[in-house]
Protein backbone atom coordinates (compact mmCIF):
# COMPACT_ATOMS: atom_id res chain seq x y z
CA SER A 1 0.16 0.20 -0.10
CA VAL A 2 0.69 3.71 -0.49
CA VAL A 3 1.11 4.51 3.22
CA LYS A 4 3.30 1.16 3.88
CA ARG A 5 5.72 2.19 0.91
CA PHE A 6 6.20 5.67 2.71
CA LEU A 7 6.53 4.13 5.89
CA TYR A 8 9.36 2.07 5.18
CA ASP A 9 11.22 3.89 2.49
CA GLY A 10 14.00 4.59 4.75
CA ALA A 11 14.31 1.32 5.92
CA PHE A 12 17.66 -0.81 5.55
CA ASN A 13 18.74 -4.54 4.74
CA VAL A 14 21.21 -5.13 7.81
CA GLU A 15 22.88 -8.60 8.36
CA CYS A 16 23.65 -10.09 11.85
CA ASP A 17 27.08 -10.71 12.69
CA ALA A 18 29.20 -13.94 14.31
CA GLN A 19 27.30 -13.14 17.42
CA GLY A 20 24.01 -12.11 15.82
CA ARG A 21 24.37 -8.62 16.58
CA ILE A 22 23.38 -5.83 13.92
CA LEU A 23 24.84 -2.63 13.43
CA ILE A 24 22.39 0.61 12.57
CA PRO A 25 23.96 2.65 9.97
CA PRO A 26 25.38 5.44 10.80
CA THR A 27 21.99 7.76 8.90
CA LEU A 28 19.40 5.72 11.40
CA ARG A 29 21.57 6.38 14.32
CA GLU A 30 21.88 10.29 13.66
CA TYR A 31 18.05 10.00 13.17
CA ALA A 32 17.27 8.66 16.67
CA GLU A 33 19.99 10.29 18.37
CA LEU A 34 21.74 7.41 19.33
CA GLU A 35 25.04 8.05 21.27
CA ALA A 36 25.55 5.62 24.17
CA GLU A 37 22.81 4.17 25.90
CA ALA A 38 19.74 2.62 23.53
CA HIS A 39 15.93 1.48 24.93
CA ILE A 40 14.68 -1.59 22.58
CA ILE A 41 10.94 -1.86 22.82
CA GLY A 42 9.11 -4.89 21.16
CA MET A 43 6.32 -3.43 19.24
CA ASP A 44 4.58 -6.35 17.36
CA THR A 45 6.74 -8.10 15.04
CA ASN A 46 8.93 -5.12 15.19
CA LEU A 47 11.59 -3.55 17.27
CA GLU A 48 11.98 0.08 18.00
CA VAL A 49 15.36 1.67 19.42
CA TRP A 50 15.39 4.80 21.40
CA ASN A 51 17.92 6.96 22.87
CA THR A 52 17.41 6.07 26.45
CA SER A 53 16.77 9.93 27.38
CA LEU A 54 14.47 10.87 24.57
CA TRP A 55 12.51 7.56 25.55
CA GLN A 56 12.05 8.64 28.98
CA GLU A 57 10.69 11.97 27.91
CA GLU A 58 8.15 10.70 25.25
CA ASN A 59 6.87 7.87 27.84
CA GLU A 60 6.39 10.62 30.38
CA LYS A 61 3.92 12.53 28.48
CA TYR A 62 1.29 8.91 28.73
CA THR A 63 -0.77 7.96 31.26
CA PRO A 64 -3.39 5.26 31.96
CA GLU A 65 -6.02 7.83 31.29
CA SER A 66 -4.24 9.22 28.05
CA VAL A 67 -3.80 5.47 26.73
CA ALA A 68 -7.22 4.80 27.49
CA SER A 69 -8.67 7.91 25.14
CA ILE A 70 -6.38 7.25 22.66
CA MET A 71 -7.73 3.89 22.84
CA GLU A 72 -11.86 5.38 22.74
CA GLU A 73 -10.74 7.56 20.35
CA LEU A 74 -9.77 4.32 17.85
CA ASN A 75 -12.55 2.52 18.86
CA PHE A 76 -10.92 -0.33 20.55
């Protein structure tokens, strides 16, 4: 679909090293402001990799009430 194509446009193919690790491309490290620590979040069949400080700031925005409100708007 057009939406998936738009969202996945910035995707990269990466290969695991001998220990099963991946190297995040410099473009994505810069975009995510990854410098030292990273916070990895499981999102269904995907992972999100966040700068730990930025994740903490983002996560503080949400309360059980705000999430419930979003779910109600989406008819969940």
